[in-house]
PDB file of N, CA and C in Angstrom:
ATOM      1  N   UNK A   1       0.271  -6.699  21.574  1.00  0.00           N
ATOM      2  CA  UNK A   1       1.609  -7.126  21.905  1.00  0.00           C
ATOM      3  C   UNK A   1       2.292  -7.604  20.628  1.00  0.00           C
ATOM      4  N   UNK A   2       3.589  -7.425  20.583  1.00  0.00           N
ATOM      5  CA  UNK A   2       4.340  -7.782  19.395  1.00  0.00           C
ATOM      6  C   UNK A   2       5.553  -8.623  19.787  1.00  0.00           C
ATOM      7  N   UNK A   3       5.873  -9.582  18.946  1.00  0.00           N
ATOM      8  CA  UNK A   3       7.067 -10.399  19.139  1.00  0.00           C
ATOM      9  C   UNK A   3       8.143  -9.881  18.188  1.00  0.00           C
ATOM     10  N   UNK A   4       9.384 -10.142  18.526  1.00  0.00           N
ATOM     11  CA  UNK A   4      10.481  -9.714  17.658  1.00  0.00           C
ATOM     12  C   UNK A   4      11.471 -10.864  17.506  1.00  0.00           C
ATOM     13  N   UNK A   5      11.840 -11.148  16.256  1.00  0.00           N
ATOM     14  CA  UNK A   5      12.801 -12.208  15.951  1.00  0.00           C
ATOM     15  C   UNK A   5      13.780 -11.697  14.911  1.00  0.00           C
ATOM     16  N   UNK A   6      15.024 -12.133  15.034  1.00  0.00           N
ATOM     17  CA  UNK A   6      15.995 -11.840  13.980  1.00  0.00           C
ATOM     18  C   UNK A   6      15.757 -12.825  12.838  1.00  0.00           C
ATOM     19  N   UNK A   7      16.286 -12.516  11.685  1.00  0.00           N
ATOM     20  CA  UNK A   7      16.119 -13.397  10.527  1.00  0.00           C
ATOM     21  C   UNK A   7      16.652 -14.795  10.844  1.00  0.00           C
ATOM     22  N   UNK A   8      17.744 -14.866  11.588  1.00  0.00           N
ATOM     23  CA  UNK A   8      18.324 -16.157  11.940  1.00  0.00           C
ATOM     24  C   UNK A   8      17.398 -16.971  12.851  1.00  0.00           C
ATOM     25  N   UNK A   9      16.586 -16.314  13.667  1.00  0.00           N
ATOM     26  CA  UNK A   9      15.702 -16.998  14.614  1.00  0.00           C
ATOM     27  C   UNK A   9      14.385 -17.450  13.989  1.00  0.00           C
ATOM     28  N   UNK A  10      14.020 -16.897  12.855  1.00  0.00           N
ATOM     29  CA  UNK A  10      12.702 -17.176  12.268  1.00  0.00           C
ATOM     30  C   UNK A  10      12.506 -18.661  11.991  1.00  0.00           C
ATOM     31  N   UNK A  11      13.453 -19.300  11.326  1.00  0.00           N
ATOM     32  CA  UNK A  11      13.292 -20.710  10.957  1.00  0.00           C
ATOM     33  C   UNK A  11      13.146 -21.601  12.190  1.00  0.00           C
ATOM     34  N   UNK A  12      13.913 -21.307  13.247  1.00  0.00           N
ATOM     35  CA  UNK A  12      13.864 -22.123  14.455  1.00  0.00           C
ATOM     36  C   UNK A  12      12.580 -21.915  15.261  1.00  0.00           C
ATOM     37  N   UNK A  13      11.958 -20.760  15.113  1.00  0.00           N
ATOM     38  CA  UNK A  13      10.800 -20.409  15.940  1.00  0.00           C
ATOM     39  C   UNK A  13       9.513 -20.244  15.142  1.00  0.00           C
ATOM     40  N   UNK A  14       9.458 -20.855  13.977  1.00  0.00           N
ATOM     41  CA  UNK A  14       8.298 -20.679  13.105  1.00  0.00           C
ATOM     42  C   UNK A  14       6.991 -21.080  13.789  1.00  0.00           C
ATOM     43  N   UNK A  15       7.012 -22.152  14.566  1.00  0.00           N
ATOM     44  CA  UNK A  15       5.781 -22.573  15.250  1.00  0.00           C
ATOM     45  C   UNK A  15       5.320 -21.534  16.267  1.00  0.00           C
ATOM     46  N   UNK A  16       6.243 -20.942  17.043  1.00  0.00           N
ATOM     47  CA  UNK A  16       5.899 -19.890  18.002  1.00  0.00           C
ATOM     48  C   UNK A  16       5.381 -18.646  17.285  1.00  0.00           C
ATOM     49  N   UNK A  17       6.005 -18.332  16.159  1.00  0.00           N
ATOM     50  CA  UNK A  17       5.594 -17.156  15.389  1.00  0.00           C
ATOM     51  C   UNK A  17       4.146 -17.307  14.942  1.00  0.00           C
ATOM     52  N   UNK A  18       3.802 -18.456  14.388  1.00  0.00           N
ATOM     53  CA  UNK A  18       2.441 -18.654  13.904  1.00  0.00           C
ATOM     54  C   UNK A  18       1.433 -18.760  15.046  1.00  0.00           C
ATOM     55  N   UNK A  19       1.847 -19.288  16.177  1.00  0.00           N
ATOM     56  CA  UNK A  19       0.950 -19.306  17.339  1.00  0.00           C
ATOM     57  C   UNK A  19       0.609 -17.879  17.762  1.00  0.00           C
ATOM     58  N   UNK A  20       1.609 -17.022  17.777  1.00  0.00           N
ATOM     59  CA  UNK A  20       1.379 -15.619  18.131  1.00  0.00           C
ATOM     60  C   UNK A  20       0.474 -14.920  17.139  1.00  0.00           C
ATOM     61  N   UNK A  21       0.695 -15.184  15.859  1.00  0.00           N
ATOM     62  CA  UNK A  21      -0.130 -14.567  14.822  1.00  0.00           C
ATOM     63  C   UNK A  21      -1.576 -15.031  14.958  1.00  0.00           C
ATOM     64  N   UNK A  22      -1.774 -16.311  15.230  1.00  0.00           N
ATOM     65  CA  UNK A  22      -3.132 -16.835  15.416  1.00  0.00           C
ATOM     66  C   UNK A  22      -3.822 -16.202  16.617  1.00  0.00           C
ATOM     67  N   UNK A  23      -3.056 -15.732  17.581  1.00  0.00           N
ATOM     68  CA  UNK A  23      -3.617 -15.072  18.763  1.00  0.00           C
ATOM     69  C   UNK A  23      -3.762 -13.566  18.555  1.00  0.00           C
ATOM     70  N   UNK A  24      -3.482 -13.093  17.339  1.00  0.00           N
ATOM     71  CA  UNK A  24      -3.670 -11.678  17.024  1.00  0.00           C
ATOM     72  C   UNK A  24      -2.448 -10.807  17.214  1.00  0.00           C
ATOM     73  N   UNK A  25      -1.309 -11.397  17.487  1.00  0.00           N
ATOM     74  CA  UNK A  25      -0.086 -10.619  17.681  1.00  0.00           C
ATOM     75  C   UNK A  25       0.614 -10.386  16.349  1.00  0.00           C
ATOM     76  N   UNK A  26       1.343  -9.286  16.277  1.00  0.00           N
ATOM     77  CA  UNK A  26       2.185  -9.060  15.106  1.00  0.00           C
ATOM     78  C   UNK A  26       3.604  -9.513  15.446  1.00  0.00           C
ATOM     79  N   UNK A  27       4.392  -9.789  14.426  1.00  0.00           N
ATOM     80  CA  UNK A  27       5.764 -10.257  14.621  1.00  0.00           C
ATOM     81  C   UNK A  27       6.696  -9.378  13.801  1.00  0.00           C
ATOM     82  N   UNK A  28       7.698  -8.832  14.465  1.00  0.00           N
ATOM     83  CA  UNK A  28       8.691  -8.007  13.788  1.00  0.00           C
ATOM     84  C   UNK A  28       9.906  -8.866  13.475  1.00  0.00           C
ATOM     85  N   UNK A  29      10.386  -8.751  12.251  1.00  0.00           N
ATOM     86  CA  UNK A  29      11.586  -9.473  11.823  1.00  0.00           C
ATOM     87  C   UNK A  29      12.707  -8.442  11.686  1.00  0.00           C
ATOM     88  N   UNK A  30      13.833  -8.731  12.326  1.00  0.00           N
ATOM     89  CA  UNK A  30      14.946  -7.786  12.289  1.00  0.00           C
ATOM     90  C   UNK A  30      16.173  -8.408  11.630  1.00  0.00           C
ATOM     91  N   UNK A  31      17.009  -7.533  11.105  1.00  0.00           N
ATOM     92  CA  UNK A  31      18.301  -7.938  10.550  1.00  0.00           C
ATOM     93  C   UNK A  31      19.315  -6.927  11.055  1.00  0.00           C
ATOM     94  N   UNK A  32      20.290  -7.402  11.782  1.00  0.00           N
ATOM     95  CA  UNK A  32      21.315  -6.558  12.389  1.00  0.00           C
ATOM     96  C   UNK A  32      20.684  -5.450  13.232  1.00  0.00           C
ATOM     97  N   UNK A  33      19.625  -5.810  13.963  1.00  0.00           N
ATOM     98  CA  UNK A  33      18.976  -4.870  14.867  1.00  0.00           C
ATOM     99  C   UNK A  33      17.985  -3.916  14.224  1.00  0.00           C
ATOM    100  N   UNK A  34      17.876  -3.950  12.908  1.00  0.00           N
ATOM    101  CA  UNK A  34      16.950  -3.065  12.199  1.00  0.00           C
ATOM    102  C   UNK A  34      15.724  -3.847  11.744  1.00  0.00           C
ATOM    103  N   UNK A  35      14.561  -3.273  11.938  1.00  0.00           N
ATOM    104  CA  UNK A  35      13.324  -3.927  11.499  1.00  0.00           C
ATOM    105  C   UNK A  35      13.278  -3.957   9.978  1.00  0.00           C
ATOM    106  N   UNK A  36      13.067  -5.159   9.418  1.00  0.00           N
ATOM    107  CA  UNK A  36      13.010  -5.298   7.960  1.00  0.00           C
ATOM    108  C   UNK A  36      11.656  -5.796   7.479  1.00  0.00           C
ATOM    109  N   UNK A  37      10.863  -6.393   8.380  1.00  0.00           N
ATOM    110  CA  UNK A  37       9.551  -6.905   7.978  1.00  0.00           C
ATOM    111  C   UNK A  37       8.661  -7.046   9.204  1.00  0.00           C
ATOM    112  N   UNK A  38       7.357  -7.066   8.938  1.00  0.00           N
ATOM    113  CA  UNK A  38       6.367  -7.298   9.987  1.00  0.00           C
ATOM    114  C   UNK A  38       5.366  -8.313   9.459  1.00  0.00           C
ATOM    115  N   UNK A  39       5.071  -9.329  10.251  1.00  0.00           N
ATOM    116  CA  UNK A  39       4.050 -10.315   9.890  1.00  0.00           C
ATOM    117  C   UNK A  39       2.818 -10.002  10.732  1.00  0.00           C
ATOM    118  N   UNK A  40       1.687  -9.826  10.054  1.00  0.00           N
ATOM    119  CA  UNK A  40       0.437  -9.456  10.718  1.00  0.00           C
ATOM    120  C   UNK A  40      -0.603 -10.551  10.585  1.00  0.00           C
ATOM    121  N   UNK A  41      -1.553 -10.610  11.519  1.00  0.00           N
ATOM    122  CA  UNK A  41      -2.702 -11.492  11.320  1.00  0.00           C
ATOM    123  C   UNK A  41      -3.472 -11.044  10.074  1.00  0.00           C
ATOM    124  N   UNK A  42      -4.109 -11.977   9.394  1.00  0.00           N
ATOM    125  CA  UNK A  42      -4.799 -11.670   8.135  1.00  0.00           C
ATOM    126  C   UNK A  42      -5.854 -10.583   8.308  1.00  0.00           C
ATOM    127  N   UNK A  43      -6.594 -10.609   9.412  1.00  0.00           N
ATOM    128  CA  UNK A  43      -7.645  -9.603   9.628  1.00  0.00           C
ATOM    129  C   UNK A  43      -7.050  -8.201   9.730  1.00  0.00           C
ATOM    130  N   UNK A  44      -5.928  -8.075  10.416  1.00  0.00           N
ATOM    131  CA  UNK A  44      -5.264  -6.775  10.541  1.00  0.00           C
ATOM    132  C   UNK A  44      -4.732  -6.313   9.190  1.00  0.00           C
ATOM    133  N   UNK A  45      -4.180  -7.231   8.425  1.00  0.00           N
ATOM    134  CA  UNK A  45      -3.688  -6.900   7.087  1.00  0.00           C
ATOM    135  C   UNK A  45      -4.828  -6.389   6.203  1.00  0.00           C
ATOM    136  N   UNK A  46      -5.962  -7.058   6.227  1.00  0.00           N
ATOM    137  CA  UNK A  46      -7.109  -6.631   5.424  1.00  0.00           C
ATOM    138  C   UNK A  46      -7.584  -5.248   5.850  1.00  0.00           C
ATOM    139  N   UNK A  47      -7.589  -4.985   7.157  1.00  0.00           N
ATOM    140  CA  UNK A  47      -8.006  -3.674   7.653  1.00  0.00           C
ATOM    141  C   UNK A  47      -7.076  -2.583   7.129  1.00  0.00           C
ATOM    142  N   UNK A  48      -5.791  -2.837   7.166  1.00  0.00           N
ATOM    143  CA  UNK A  48      -4.822  -1.866   6.667  1.00  0.00           C
ATOM    144  C   UNK A  48      -4.899  -1.716   5.156  1.00  0.00           C
ATOM    145  N   UNK A  49      -5.122  -2.822   4.473  1.00  0.00           N
ATOM    146  CA  UNK A  49      -5.189  -2.811   3.018  1.00  0.00           C
ATOM    147  C   UNK A  49      -6.345  -1.959   2.519  1.00  0.00           C
ATOM    148  N   UNK A  50      -7.476  -2.061   3.185  1.00  0.00           N
ATOM    149  CA  UNK A  50      -8.659  -1.330   2.743  1.00  0.00           C
ATOM    150  C   UNK A  50      -8.740   0.067   3.331  1.00  0.00           C
ATOM    151  N   UNK A  51      -7.862   0.410   4.214  1.00  0.00           N
ATOM    152  CA  UNK A  51      -7.844   1.749   4.781  1.00  0.00           C
ATOM    153  C   UNK A  51      -8.946   1.968   5.796  1.00  0.00           C
ATOM    154  N   UNK A  52      -8.940   3.157   6.342  1.00  0.00           N
ATOM    155  CA  UNK A  52      -9.924   3.526   7.349  1.00  0.00           C
ATOM    156  C   UNK A  52     -11.263   3.774   6.674  1.00  0.00           C
ATOM    157  N   UNK A  53     -12.326   3.149   7.179  1.00  0.00           N
ATOM    158  CA  UNK A  53     -13.633   3.374   6.557  1.00  0.00           C
ATOM    159  C   UNK A  53     -14.121   4.792   6.836  1.00  0.00           C
ATOM    160  N   UNK A  54     -14.892   5.334   5.895  1.00  0.00           N
ATOM    161  CA  UNK A  54     -15.455   6.653   6.139  1.00  0.00           C
ATOM    162  C   UNK A  54     -16.628   6.525   7.115  1.00  0.00           C
ATOM    163  N   UNK A  55     -17.202   7.648   7.482  1.00  0.00           N
ATOM    164  CA  UNK A  55     -18.250   7.659   8.495  1.00  0.00           C
ATOM    165  C   UNK A  55     -19.430   6.792   8.092  1.00  0.00           C
ATOM    166  N   UNK A  56     -19.890   6.939   6.852  1.00  0.00           N
ATOM    167  CA  UNK A  56     -21.076   6.200   6.421  1.00  0.00           C
ATOM    168  C   UNK A  56     -20.824   4.687   6.424  1.00  0.00           C
ATOM    169  N   UNK A  57     -19.637   4.254   5.997  1.00  0.00           N
ATOM    170  CA  UNK A  57     -19.306   2.826   6.031  1.00  0.00           C
ATOM    171  C   UNK A  57     -19.331   2.303   7.468  1.00  0.00           C
ATOM    172  N   UNK A  58     -18.852   3.117   8.401  1.00  0.00           N
ATOM    173  CA  UNK A  58     -18.864   2.716   9.810  1.00  0.00           C
ATOM    174  C   UNK A  58     -20.287   2.586  10.330  1.00  0.00           C
ATOM    175  N   UNK A  59     -21.151   3.525   9.946  1.00  0.00           N
ATOM    176  CA  UNK A  59     -22.556   3.464  10.366  1.00  0.00           C
ATOM    177  C   UNK A  59     -23.219   2.215   9.799  1.00  0.00           C
ATOM    178  N   UNK A  60     -22.985   1.947   8.520  1.00  0.00           N
ATOM    179  CA  UNK A  60     -23.586   0.773   7.883  1.00  0.00           C
ATOM    180  C   UNK A  60     -23.093  -0.524   8.524  1.00  0.00           C
ATOM    181  N   UNK A  61     -21.808  -0.595   8.837  1.00  0.00           N
ATOM    182  CA  UNK A  61     -21.264  -1.786   9.488  1.00  0.00           C
ATOM    183  C   UNK A  61     -21.889  -1.963  10.874  1.00  0.00           C
ATOM    184  N   UNK A  62     -22.031  -0.858  11.605  1.00  0.00           N
ATOM    185  CA  UNK A  62     -22.652  -0.901  12.927  1.00  0.00           C
ATOM    186  C   UNK A  62     -24.087  -1.411  12.829  1.00  0.00           C
ATOM    187  N   UNK A  63     -24.836  -0.884  11.873  1.00  0.00           N
ATOM    188  CA  UNK A  63     -26.223  -1.327  11.684  1.00  0.00           C
ATOM    189  C   UNK A  63     -26.282  -2.811  11.339  1.00  0.00           C
ATOM    190  N   UNK A  64     -25.381  -3.245  10.474  1.00  0.00           N
ATOM    191  CA  UNK A  64     -25.352  -4.650  10.071  1.00  0.00           C
ATOM    192  C   UNK A  64     -25.061  -5.551  11.270  1.00  0.00           C
ATOM    193  N   UNK A  65     -24.109  -5.145  12.100  1.00  0.00           N
ATOM    194  CA  UNK A  65     -23.775  -5.935  13.285  1.00  0.00           C
ATOM    195  C   UNK A  65     -24.958  -6.014  14.240  1.00  0.00           C
ATOM    196  N   UNK A  66     -25.680  -4.908  14.396  1.00  0.00           N
ATOM    197  CA  UNK A  66     -26.860  -4.923  15.259  1.00  0.00           C
ATOM    198  C   UNK A  66     -27.926  -5.857  14.718  1.00  0.00           C
ATOM    199  N   UNK A  67     -28.123  -5.840  13.401  1.00  0.00           N
ATOM    200  CA  UNK A  67     -29.122  -6.713  12.794  1.00  0.00           C
ATOM    201  C   UNK A  67     -28.735  -8.180  12.978  1.00  0.00           C
ATOM    202  N   UNK A  68     -27.446  -8.489  12.821  1.00  0.00           N
ATOM    203  CA  UNK A  68     -26.979  -9.863  12.981  1.00  0.00           C
ATOM    204  C   UNK A  68     -27.163 -10.353  14.415  1.00  0.00           C
ATOM    205  N   UNK A  69     -26.998  -9.440  15.377  1.00  0.00           N
ATOM    206  CA  UNK A  69     -27.169  -9.805  16.782  1.00  0.00           C
ATOM    207  C   UNK A  69     -28.642  -9.915  17.156  1.00  0.00           C
ATOM    208  N   UNK A  70     -29.508  -9.385  16.314  1.00  0.00           N
ATOM    209  CA  UNK A  70     -30.934  -9.414  16.608  1.00  0.00           C
ATOM    210  C   UNK A  70     -31.346  -8.374  17.630  1.00  0.00           C
ATOM    211  N   UNK A  71     -30.542  -7.333  17.774  1.00  0.00           N
ATOM    212  CA  UNK A  71     -30.841  -6.278  18.732  1.00  0.00           C
ATOM    213  C   UNK A  71     -31.944  -5.385  18.184  1.00  0.00           C
ATOM    214  N   UNK A  72     -32.967  -5.182  18.984  1.00  0.00           N
ATOM    215  CA  UNK A  72     -34.076  -4.309  18.596  1.00  0.00           C
ATOM    216  C   UNK A  72     -33.855  -2.952  19.258  1.00  0.00           C
ATOM    217  N   UNK A  73     -33.672  -1.914  18.455  1.00  0.00           N
ATOM    218  CA  UNK A  73     -33.476  -0.571  18.984  1.00  0.00           C
ATOM    219  C   UNK A  73     -34.518   0.344  18.362  1.00  0.00           C
ATOM    220  N   UNK A  74     -35.213   1.087  19.218  1.00  0.00           N
ATOM    221  CA  UNK A  74     -36.188   2.068  18.758  1.00  0.00           C
ATOM    222  C   UNK A  74     -35.482   3.419  18.687  1.00  0.00           C
ATOM    223  N   UNK A  75     -35.293   3.997  17.484  1.00  0.00           N
ATOM    224  CA  UNK A  75     -34.584   5.270  17.360  1.00  0.00           C
ATOM    225  C   UNK A  75     -35.231   6.393  18.164  1.00  0.00           C
ATOM    226  N   UNK A  76     -36.561   6.407  18.234  1.00  0.00           N
ATOM    227  CA  UNK A  76     -37.242   7.445  19.008  1.00  0.00           C
ATOM    228  C   UNK A  76     -36.873   7.351  20.484  1.00  0.00           C
ATOM    229  N   UNK A  77     -36.725   6.145  20.978  1.00  0.00           N
ATOM    230  CA  UNK A  77     -36.349   5.946  22.378  1.00  0.00           C
ATOM    231  C   UNK A  77     -34.896   6.390  22.614  1.00  0.00           C
ATOM    232  N   UNK A  78     -34.030   6.110  21.677  1.00  0.00           N
ATOM    233  CA  UNK A  78     -32.614   6.464  21.820  1.00  0.00           C
ATOM    234  C   UNK A  78     -32.426   7.976  21.832  1.00  0.00           C
ATOM    235  N   UNK A  79     -33.114   8.680  20.955  1.00  0.00           N
ATOM    236  CA  UNK A  79     -32.894  10.113  20.763  1.00  0.00           C
ATOM    237  C   UNK A  79     -33.858  11.004  21.547  1.00  0.00           C
ATOM    238  N   UNK A  80     -34.775  10.453  22.330  1.00  0.00           N
ATOM    239  CA  UNK A  80     -35.825  11.253  22.955  1.00  0.00           C
ATOM    240  C   UNK A  80     -35.294  12.341  23.888  1.00  0.00           C
ATOM    241  N   UNK A  81     -34.213  12.120  24.596  1.00  0.00           N
ATOM    242  CA  UNK A  81     -33.697  13.105  25.547  1.00  0.00           C
ATOM    243  C   UNK A  81     -32.503  13.890  25.010  1.00  0.00           C
ATOM    244  N   UNK A  82     -32.191  13.746  23.744  1.00  0.00           N
ATOM    245  CA  UNK A  82     -31.016  14.406  23.189  1.00  0.00           C
ATOM    246  C   UNK A  82     -31.292  15.871  22.872  1.00  0.00           C
ATOM    247  N   UNK A  83     -32.411  16.149  22.267  1.00  0.00           N
ATOM    248  CA  UNK A  83     -32.725  17.513  21.850  1.00  0.00           C
ATOM    249  C   UNK A  83     -33.255  18.330  23.028  1.00  0.00           C
ATOM    250  N   UNK A  84     -32.772  19.556  23.133  1.00  0.00           N
ATOM    251  CA  UNK A  84     -33.219  20.476  24.167  1.00  0.00           C
ATOM    252  C   UNK A  84     -34.622  20.960  23.818  1.00  0.00           C
ATOM    253  N   UNK A  85     -35.544  20.791  24.733  1.00  0.00           N
ATOM    254  CA  UNK A  85     -36.934  21.153  24.464  1.00  0.00           C
ATOM    255  C   UNK A  85     -37.281  22.548  24.979  1.00  0.00           C
ATOM    256  N   UNK A  86     -36.316  23.252  25.540  1.00  0.00           N
ATOM    257  CA  UNK A  86     -36.590  24.601  26.040  1.00  0.00           C
ATOM    258  C   UNK A  86     -36.819  25.546  24.862  1.00  0.00           C
ATOM    259  N   UNK A  87     -37.597  26.624  25.075  1.00  0.00           N
ATOM    260  CA  UNK A  87     -37.899  27.536  23.970  1.00  0.00           C
ATOM    261  C   UNK A  87     -36.692  28.356  23.514  1.00  0.00           C
ATOM    262  N   UNK A  88     -35.618  28.324  24.232  1.00  0.00           N
ATOM    263  CA  UNK A  88     -34.432  29.091  23.842  1.00  0.00           C
ATOM    264  C   UNK A  88     -34.401  30.434  24.550  1.00  0.00           C
ATOM    265  N   UNK A  89     -33.507  31.285  24.126  1.00  0.00           N
ATOM    266  CA  UNK A  89     -33.387  32.575  24.796  1.00  0.00           C
ATOM    267  C   UNK A  89     -34.441  33.557  24.286  1.00  0.00           C
ATOM    268  N   UNK A  90     -34.705  34.540  25.090  1.00  0.00           N
ATOM    269  CA  UNK A  90     -35.704  35.546  24.739  1.00  0.00           C
ATOM    270  C   UNK A  90     -35.090  36.557  23.781  1.00  0.00           C
ATOM    271  N   UNK A  91     -35.832  36.897  22.757  1.00  0.00           N
ATOM    272  CA  UNK A  91     -35.356  37.868  21.770  1.00  0.00           C
ATOM    273  C   UNK A  91     -36.271  39.088  21.815  1.00  0.00           C
ATOM    274  N   UNK A  92     -35.689  40.257  21.951  1.00  0.00           N
ATOM    275  CA  UNK A  92     -36.449  41.506  21.950  1.00  0.00           C
ATOM    276  C   UNK A  92     -36.175  42.199  20.626  1.00  0.00           C
ATOM    277  N   UNK A  93     -37.247  42.444  19.876  1.00  0.00           N
ATOM    278  CA  UNK A  93     -37.097  43.096  18.570  1.00  0.00           C
ATOM    279  C   UNK A  93     -37.340  44.563  18.643  1.00  0.00           C
TER     280      UNK A  93
END
C-alpha cells in the first residue's frame, strides 16, 4: 500500500508519513498533481539499490536462512521422487 501527499502536506503530516514507512509502506510526494518523489522503507531501498540477485545468490541466501532457522533437510529425501526411474522408450536399431 502507498500513501500520497502533496509537498504542502508533507510538513503537517510528517509523523503519519514516518509511521507508514515504519510499517513498510511507500509514500509518494506530489507537486501540482505530478509525482516528484517517493520515500521508501530502508530495506526496500537497499533491495532496489543492489538490484535483483542472480540465481546463485538466491540459492545461497536460501541456504543461509535455512541454516539460521536450524532446519535439517536431507537432499536425498527431497529429490528421491523427482527423477523418473522408468527405463524410457524402447529403441529398435
